[in-house]
Amino acid sequence: MPLDTTPPAPAGPPAPAVPAVPPTAPTPPLRPARYDPADYAPCVRESAAEAGVSPVLVMAVLHNEAYKPHHPLLERLWQWWKPGASFGVGNMHRAAFEEVRRAHGLSARWQDLRDDPAFAIRVVALHLADLDRRLPERHTRRCTRDELLALGYNAGERNMRAFARGVPPGPMARSHLRRLRAHRRHAEKALAGAPSGHAGTSSPPSADATAAPHVPPAPRAT
């Protein structure tokens, strides 16, 4: 039987990769007491993996920042009442966001944090990763590395580096650190799939936080 010498047909182009479907991120509820960072566990896992930081750290930061309403409408009202307020489920101020935007070439705006929780969580993780690169390898044993990063997220890079050298945190930073340590257990449960309780009711208020903003009536014409 003669051998078949017909050359094989050329291989076709490789099948296109199927893009990963990003996790859904629900809009924070209008009633602050129903807000729970555990609802964003898939986004936290993905964003932490992309940035190379601990998902427990990211989730604990979200718990610490759950002291004020995060529904987009309420955040708009909050900013009307307090123009220098922060945006998003991570409570990020504009200066910190602009640093992350420039460092990572983000095209979105600071205002997008309030309307897109998944984006807000991604920016939190990227900011923590940036702080990690600026934190010395050797630091005080008074705090873990993740705790120093959380303090840097709250108080800024300069204070984080001072705390790493052994400078004692001030009252607000100590309060933030106590709440972070208390929230770590909730963060671990949230990422394990267990309910963690509503952070809006279980978290003590931040030192600079007050009740939901009261919108004063418009001034009457004179």
C-alpha atoms as a PDB file:
ATOM      1  CA  MET A   1       0.000   0.000   0.000  1.00  0.00           C
ATOM      2  CA  PRO A   2       1.604   3.320  -1.060  1.00  0.00           C
ATOM      3  CA  LEU A   3       2.386   5.786   1.656  1.00  0.00           C
ATOM      4  CA  ASP A   4       0.304   8.953   1.793  1.00  0.00           C
ATOM      5  CA  THR A   5       2.713  11.790   1.056  1.00  0.00           C
ATOM      6  CA  THR A   6       0.088  14.565   1.171  1.00  0.00           C
ATOM      7  CA  PRO A   7       1.424  17.313   3.457  1.00  0.00           C
ATOM      8  CA  PRO A   8      -0.737  17.958   6.502  1.00  0.00           C
ATOM      9  CA  ALA A   9      -3.047  20.925   6.372  1.00  0.00           C
ATOM     10  CA  PRO A  10      -1.636  24.016   8.083  1.00  0.00           C
ATOM     11  CA  ALA A  11      -2.838  24.540  11.603  1.00  0.00           C
ATOM     12  CA  GLY A  12      -5.406  27.269  12.014  1.00  0.00           C
ATOM     13  CA  PRO A  13      -4.970  30.276  14.252  1.00  0.00           C
ATOM     14  CA  PRO A  14      -5.085  29.541  17.978  1.00  0.00           C
ATOM     15  CA  ALA A  15      -8.446  29.941  19.624  1.00  0.00           C
ATOM     16  CA  PRO A  16      -8.832  33.351  21.204  1.00  0.00           C
ATOM     17  CA  ALA A  17      -8.461  33.404  24.953  1.00  0.00           C
ATOM     18  CA  VAL A  18     -11.721  33.760  26.781  1.00  0.00           C
ATOM     19  CA  PRO A  19     -11.542  36.914  28.868  1.00  0.00           C
ATOM     20  CA  ALA A  20     -12.079  36.404  32.550  1.00  0.00           C
ATOM     21  CA  VAL A  21     -15.384  37.708  33.806  1.00  0.00           C
ATOM     22  CA  PRO A  22     -14.680  40.249  36.548  1.00  0.00           C
ATOM     23  CA  PRO A  23     -16.477  39.671  39.817  1.00  0.00           C
ATOM     24  CA  THR A  24     -19.654  41.627  40.266  1.00  0.00           C
ATOM     25  CA  ALA A  25     -19.615  44.448  42.786  1.00  0.00           C
ATOM     26  CA  PRO A  26     -23.027  45.438  44.102  1.00  0.00           C
ATOM     27  CA  THR A  27     -23.845  49.056  44.762  1.00  0.00           C
ATOM     28  CA  PRO A  28     -23.597  49.726  48.503  1.00  0.00           C
ATOM     29  CA  PRO A  29     -27.059  49.811  50.076  1.00  0.00           C
ATOM     30  CA  LEU A  30     -28.832  53.071  50.690  1.00  0.00           C
ATOM     31  CA  ARG A  31     -29.294  52.106  54.336  1.00  0.00           C
ATOM     32  CA  PRO A  32     -25.779  52.199  55.860  1.00  0.00           C
ATOM     33  CA  ALA A  33     -26.603  49.542  58.463  1.00  0.00           C
ATOM     34  CA  ARG A  34     -26.985  46.985  55.664  1.00  0.00           C
ATOM     35  CA  TYR A  35     -23.539  47.598  54.217  1.00  0.00           C
ATOM     36  CA  ASP A  36     -21.163  44.661  54.664  1.00  0.00           C
ATOM     37  CA  PRO A  37     -17.642  44.541  53.153  1.00  0.00           C
ATOM     38  CA  ALA A  38     -18.010  40.740  52.962  1.00  0.00           C
ATOM     39  CA  ASP A  39     -20.277  41.294  49.934  1.00  0.00           C
ATOM     40  CA  TYR A  40     -17.153  42.348  48.028  1.00  0.00           C
ATOM     41  CA  ALA A  41     -15.009  39.301  48.818  1.00  0.00           C
ATOM     42  CA  PRO A  42     -14.606  38.255  45.131  1.00  0.00           C
ATOM     43  CA  CYS A  43     -13.377  41.735  44.187  1.00  0.00           C
ATOM     44  CA  VAL A  44     -11.039  41.797  47.173  1.00  0.00           C
ATOM     45  CA  ARG A  45      -9.491  38.456  46.205  1.00  0.00           C
ATOM     46  CA  GLU A  46      -8.977  39.487  42.580  1.00  0.00           C
ATOM     47  CA  SER A  47      -7.631  42.959  43.354  1.00  0.00           C
ATOM     48  CA  ALA A  48      -5.285  41.696  46.065  1.00  0.00           C
ATOM     49  CA  ALA A  49      -3.917  39.029  43.719  1.00  0.00           C
ATOM     50  CA  GLU A  50      -3.342  41.608  40.974  1.00  0.00           C
ATOM     51  CA  ALA A  51      -1.549  43.986  43.350  1.00  0.00           C
ATOM     52  CA  GLY A  52       0.371  41.291  45.231  1.00  0.00           C
ATOM     53  CA  VAL A  53      -0.943  42.157  48.690  1.00  0.00           C
ATOM     54  CA  SER A  54      -2.817  40.213  51.348  1.00  0.00           C
ATOM     55  CA  PRO A  55      -6.564  39.925  50.676  1.00  0.00           C
ATOM     56  CA  VAL A  56      -7.113  39.849  54.449  1.00  0.00           C
ATOM     57  CA  LEU A  57      -5.374  43.226  54.680  1.00  0.00           C
ATOM     58  CA  VAL A  58      -7.549  44.702  51.926  1.00  0.00           C
ATOM     59  CA  MET A  59     -10.717  43.344  53.515  1.00  0.00           C
ATOM     60  CA  ALA A  60      -9.693  44.604  56.967  1.00  0.00           C
ATOM     61  CA  VAL A  61      -9.110  48.068  55.504  1.00  0.00           C
ATOM     62  CA  LEU A  62     -12.627  47.995  54.007  1.00  0.00           C
ATOM     63  CA  HIS A  63     -14.011  47.088  57.433  1.00  0.00           C
ATOM     64  CA  ASN A  64     -12.106  49.958  59.036  1.00  0.00           C
ATOM     65  CA  GLU A  65     -13.459  52.359  56.413  1.00  0.00           C
ATOM     66  CA  ALA A  66     -17.082  51.282  56.892  1.00  0.00           C
ATOM     67  CA  TYR A  67     -17.844  54.042  59.377  1.00  0.00           C
ATOM     68  CA  LYS A  68     -19.706  56.226  56.872  1.00  0.00           C
ATOM     69  CA  PRO A  69     -22.310  55.629  54.133  1.00  0.00           C
ATOM     70  CA  HIS A  70     -20.991  54.436  50.778  1.00  0.00           C
ATOM     71  CA  HIS A  71     -24.067  54.599  48.548  1.00  0.00           C
ATOM     72  CA  PRO A  72     -23.198  56.943  45.632  1.00  0.00           C
ATOM     73  CA  LEU A  73     -26.035  59.329  46.457  1.00  0.00           C
ATOM     74  CA  LEU A  74     -25.049  59.536  50.117  1.00  0.00           C
ATOM     75  CA  GLU A  75     -21.397  60.069  49.191  1.00  0.00           C
ATOM     76  CA  ARG A  76     -22.423  62.986  46.989  1.00  0.00           C
ATOM     77  CA  LEU A  77     -24.349  64.481  49.895  1.00  0.00           C
ATOM     78  CA  TRP A  78     -21.443  63.816  52.235  1.00  0.00           C
ATOM     79  CA  GLN A  79     -19.081  65.681  49.901  1.00  0.00           C
ATOM     80  CA  TRP A  80     -21.544  68.563  49.590  1.00  0.00           C
ATOM     81  CA  TRP A  81     -21.500  68.778  53.374  1.00  0.00           C
ATOM     82  CA  LYS A  82     -17.724  68.218  53.622  1.00  0.00           C
ATOM     83  CA  PRO A  83     -15.958  69.176  50.334  1.00  0.00           C
ATOM     84  CA  GLY A  84     -12.679  67.499  51.306  1.00  0.00           C
ATOM     85  CA  ALA A  85     -14.350  64.143  51.949  1.00  0.00           C
ATOM     86  CA  SER A  86     -13.086  60.859  50.555  1.00  0.00           C
ATOM     87  CA  PHE A  87     -14.796  58.639  47.992  1.00  0.00           C
ATOM     88  CA  GLY A  88     -15.522  54.949  47.546  1.00  0.00           C
ATOM     89  CA  VAL A  89     -15.751  51.937  49.818  1.00  0.00           C
ATOM     90  CA  GLY A  90     -12.081  52.515  50.671  1.00  0.00           C
ATOM     91  CA  ASN A  91     -12.604  56.180  51.664  1.00  0.00           C
ATOM     92  CA  MET A  92      -9.766  57.410  49.441  1.00  0.00           C
ATOM     93  CA  HIS A  93      -8.871  61.077  49.359  1.00  0.00           C
ATOM     94  CA  ARG A  94      -8.130  62.760  46.063  1.00  0.00           C
ATOM     95  CA  ALA A  95      -4.386  63.245  46.674  1.00  0.00           C
ATOM     96  CA  ALA A  96      -3.861  59.532  47.376  1.00  0.00           C
ATOM     97  CA  PHE A  97      -5.929  58.552  44.340  1.00  0.00           C
ATOM     98  CA  GLU A  98      -3.941  60.844  42.041  1.00  0.00           C
ATOM     99  CA  GLU A  99      -0.714  59.183  43.210  1.00  0.00           C
ATOM    100  CA  VAL A 100      -2.115  55.749  42.361  1.00  0.00           C
ATOM    101  CA  ARG A 101      -3.549  56.971  39.049  1.00  0.00           C
ATOM    102  CA  ARG A 102      -0.192  58.366  37.909  1.00  0.00           C
ATOM    103  CA  ALA A 103       1.807  55.363  39.150  1.00  0.00           C
ATOM    104  CA  HIS A 104      -0.397  52.801  37.391  1.00  0.00           C
ATOM    105  CA  GLY A 105      -1.642  54.750  34.375  1.00  0.00           C
ATOM    106  CA  LEU A 106      -5.305  54.622  35.355  1.00  0.00           C
ATOM    107  CA  SER A 107      -7.696  56.430  33.056  1.00  0.00           C
ATOM    108  CA  ALA A 108     -10.603  56.726  35.490  1.00  0.00           C
ATOM    109  CA  ARG A 109     -11.293  59.749  37.655  1.00  0.00           C
ATOM    110  CA  TRP A 110     -11.352  60.126  41.424  1.00  0.00           C
ATOM    111  CA  GLN A 111     -15.130  60.613  41.272  1.00  0.00           C
ATOM    112  CA  ASP A 112     -15.482  57.147  39.727  1.00  0.00           C
ATOM    113  CA  LEU A 113     -14.588  55.617  43.096  1.00  0.00           C
ATOM    114  CA  ARG A 114     -18.035  56.447  44.475  1.00  0.00           C
ATOM    115  CA  ASP A 115     -19.901  54.822  41.574  1.00  0.00           C
ATOM    116  CA  ASP A 116     -17.752  51.726  40.973  1.00  0.00           C
ATOM    117  CA  PRO A 117     -16.979  49.645  44.092  1.00  0.00           C
ATOM    118  CA  ALA A 118     -14.881  47.144  42.124  1.00  0.00           C
ATOM    119  CA  PHE A 119     -12.658  49.955  40.861  1.00  0.00           C
ATOM    120  CA  ALA A 120     -12.466  51.472  44.341  1.00  0.00           C
ATOM    121  CA  ILE A 121     -11.290  48.149  45.802  1.00  0.00           C
ATOM    122  CA  ARG A 122      -8.706  47.758  43.056  1.00  0.00           C
ATOM    123  CA  VAL A 123      -7.309  51.209  43.854  1.00  0.00           C
ATOM    124  CA  VAL A 124      -7.152  50.322  47.562  1.00  0.00           C
ATOM    125  CA  ALA A 125      -5.078  47.231  46.760  1.00  0.00           C
ATOM    126  CA  LEU A 126      -2.767  49.133  44.385  1.00  0.00           C
ATOM    127  CA  HIS A 127      -2.215  51.852  46.985  1.00  0.00           C
ATOM    128  CA  LEU A 128      -1.325  49.271  49.634  1.00  0.00           C
ATOM    129  CA  ALA A 129       1.126  47.676  47.196  1.00  0.00           C
ATOM    130  CA  ASP A 130       2.739  51.064  46.530  1.00  0.00           C
ATOM    131  CA  LEU A 131       3.098  51.641  50.274  1.00  0.00           C
ATOM    132  CA  ASP A 132       4.637  48.179  50.661  1.00  0.00           C
ATOM    133  CA  ARG A 133       7.358  49.055  48.156  1.00  0.00           C
ATOM    134  CA  ARG A 134       8.202  52.178  50.182  1.00  0.00           C
ATOM    135  CA  LEU A 135       8.232  50.476  53.574  1.00  0.00           C
ATOM    136  CA  PRO A 136      11.697  49.380  54.736  1.00  0.00           C
ATOM    137  CA  GLU A 137      12.230  45.642  55.077  1.00  0.00           C
ATOM    138  CA  ARG A 138      13.385  46.108  58.663  1.00  0.00           C
ATOM    139  CA  HIS A 139      10.895  47.765  60.965  1.00  0.00           C
ATOM    140  CA  THR A 140       9.764  47.805  64.575  1.00  0.00           C
ATOM    141  CA  ARG A 141       8.233  44.631  65.954  1.00  0.00           C
ATOM    142  CA  ARG A 142       5.505  46.663  67.603  1.00  0.00           C
ATOM    143  CA  CYS A 143       3.405  46.257  64.438  1.00  0.00           C
ATOM    144  CA  THR A 144       3.267  43.648  61.719  1.00  0.00           C
ATOM    145  CA  ARG A 145       4.035  44.704  58.177  1.00  0.00           C
ATOM    146  CA  ASP A 146       0.362  44.585  57.222  1.00  0.00           C
ATOM    147  CA  GLU A 147      -0.505  46.764  60.214  1.00  0.00           C
ATOM    148  CA  LEU A 148       2.084  49.322  59.152  1.00  0.00           C
ATOM    149  CA  LEU A 149       0.631  49.320  55.637  1.00  0.00           C
ATOM    150  CA  ALA A 150      -2.845  49.893  57.047  1.00  0.00           C
ATOM    151  CA  LEU A 151      -1.508  52.763  59.144  1.00  0.00           C
ATOM    152  CA  GLY A 152       0.126  54.170  56.024  1.00  0.00           C
ATOM    153  CA  TYR A 153      -3.184  53.919  54.198  1.00  0.00           C
ATOM    154  CA  ASN A 154      -4.844  55.873  56.988  1.00  0.00           C
ATOM    155  CA  ALA A 155      -2.129  58.328  58.040  1.00  0.00           C
ATOM    156  CA  GLY A 156       0.105  58.618  54.976  1.00  0.00           C
ATOM    157  CA  GLU A 157       3.488  57.282  53.887  1.00  0.00           C
ATOM    158  CA  ARG A 158       5.556  59.661  56.017  1.00  0.00           C
ATOM    159  CA  ASN A 159       3.810  58.623  59.222  1.00  0.00           C
ATOM    160  CA  MET A 160       4.004  54.957  58.202  1.00  0.00           C
ATOM    161  CA  ARG A 161       7.787  55.197  57.860  1.00  0.00           C
ATOM    162  CA  ALA A 162       8.003  56.974  61.213  1.00  0.00           C
ATOM    163  CA  PHE A 163       5.950  54.234  62.881  1.00  0.00           C
ATOM    164  CA  ALA A 164       8.227  51.660  61.236  1.00  0.00           C
ATOM    165  CA  ARG A 165      11.239  53.325  62.908  1.00  0.00           C
ATOM    166  CA  GLY A 166       9.546  52.974  66.286  1.00  0.00           C
ATOM    167  CA  VAL A 167       7.839  56.357  66.681  1.00  0.00           C
ATOM    168  CA  PRO A 168       4.713  55.678  68.778  1.00  0.00           C
ATOM    169  CA  PRO A 169       1.437  56.246  66.912  1.00  0.00           C
ATOM    170  CA  GLY A 170      -0.763  59.088  68.088  1.00  0.00           C
ATOM    171  CA  PRO A 171      -4.282  58.651  69.513  1.00  0.00           C
ATOM    172  CA  MET A 172      -6.066  58.516  66.136  1.00  0.00           C
ATOM    173  CA  ALA A 173      -3.547  56.067  64.681  1.00  0.00           C
ATOM    174  CA  ARG A 174      -3.794  53.878  67.791  1.00  0.00           C
ATOM    175  CA  SER A 175      -7.585  53.851  67.485  1.00  0.00           C
ATOM    176  CA  HIS A 176      -7.268  52.883  63.815  1.00  0.00           C
ATOM    177  CA  LEU A 177      -4.844  50.103  64.718  1.00  0.00           C
ATOM    178  CA  ARG A 178      -7.105  48.713  67.460  1.00  0.00           C
ATOM    179  CA  ARG A 179     -10.046  48.554  65.065  1.00  0.00           C
ATOM    180  CA  LEU A 180      -7.901  46.974  62.357  1.00  0.00           C
ATOM    181  CA  ARG A 181      -6.823  44.196  64.711  1.00  0.00           C
ATOM    182  CA  ALA A 182     -10.430  43.626  65.790  1.00  0.00           C
ATOM    183  CA  HIS A 183     -11.575  43.526  62.168  1.00  0.00           C
ATOM    184  CA  ARG A 184      -8.975  41.014  61.035  1.00  0.00           C
ATOM    185  CA  ARG A 185     -11.130  38.149  62.273  1.00  0.00           C
ATOM    186  CA  HIS A 186     -14.135  39.519  60.357  1.00  0.00           C
ATOM    187  CA  ALA A 187     -11.950  39.865  57.255  1.00  0.00           C
ATOM    188  CA  GLU A 188     -10.764  36.270  57.462  1.00  0.00           C
ATOM    189  CA  LYS A 189     -14.346  35.013  57.837  1.00  0.00           C
ATOM    190  CA  ALA A 190     -15.534  37.130  54.929  1.00  0.00           C
ATOM    191  CA  LEU A 191     -12.876  35.727  52.621  1.00  0.00           C
ATOM    192  CA  ALA A 192     -13.622  32.197  53.821  1.00  0.00           C
ATOM    193  CA  GLY A 193     -17.243  32.656  52.808  1.00  0.00           C
ATOM    194  CA  ALA A 194     -18.714  32.938  56.303  1.00  0.00           C
ATOM    195  CA  PRO A 195     -20.899  35.914  57.195  1.00  0.00           C
ATOM    196  CA  SER A 196     -18.968  38.539  59.102  1.00  0.00           C
ATOM    197  CA  GLY A 197     -21.813  40.718  60.344  1.00  0.00           C
ATOM    198  CA  HIS A 198     -22.592  44.197  59.124  1.00  0.00           C
ATOM    199  CA  ALA A 199     -19.560  46.383  59.538  1.00  0.00           C
ATOM    200  CA  GLY A 200     -21.755  49.438  59.551  1.00  0.00           C
ATOM    201  CA  THR A 201     -23.174  48.413  62.924  1.00  0.00           C
ATOM    202  CA  SER A 202     -20.261  46.529  64.466  1.00  0.00           C
ATOM    203  CA  SER A 203     -17.480  49.026  63.720  1.00  0.00           C
ATOM    204  CA  PRO A 204     -16.910  51.858  66.184  1.00  0.00           C
ATOM    205  CA  PRO A 205     -16.891  55.252  64.477  1.00  0.00           C
ATOM    206  CA  SER A 206     -13.621  56.746  63.310  1.00  0.00           C
ATOM    207  CA  ALA A 207     -12.239  59.621  65.301  1.00  0.00           C
ATOM    208  CA  ASP A 208     -13.050  62.074  62.505  1.00  0.00           C
ATOM    209  CA  ALA A 209     -16.416  60.567  61.663  1.00  0.00           C
ATOM    210  CA  THR A 210     -19.810  61.852  62.639  1.00  0.00           C
ATOM    211  CA  ALA A 211     -23.346  60.783  61.924  1.00  0.00           C
ATOM    212  CA  ALA A 212     -24.731  60.847  58.403  1.00  0.00           C
ATOM    213  CA  PRO A 213     -24.432  64.378  57.003  1.00  0.00           C
ATOM    214  CA  HIS A 214     -27.258  66.773  57.643  1.00  0.00           C
ATOM    215  CA  VAL A 215     -28.023  68.779  54.519  1.00  0.00           C
ATOM    216  CA  PRO A 216     -29.009  72.294  55.563  1.00  0.00           C
ATOM    217  CA  PRO A 217     -31.861  73.998  53.714  1.00  0.00           C
ATOM    218  CA  ALA A 218     -31.032  76.264  50.833  1.00  0.00           C
ATOM    219  CA  PRO A 219     -30.692  79.926  51.870  1.00  0.00           C
ATOM    220  CA  ARG A 220     -33.755  82.039  51.228  1.00  0.00           C
ATOM    221  CA  ALA A 221     -33.517  84.934  48.844  1.00  0.00           C
ATOM    222  CA  THR A 222     -33.298  88.309  50.515  1.00  0.00           C
END
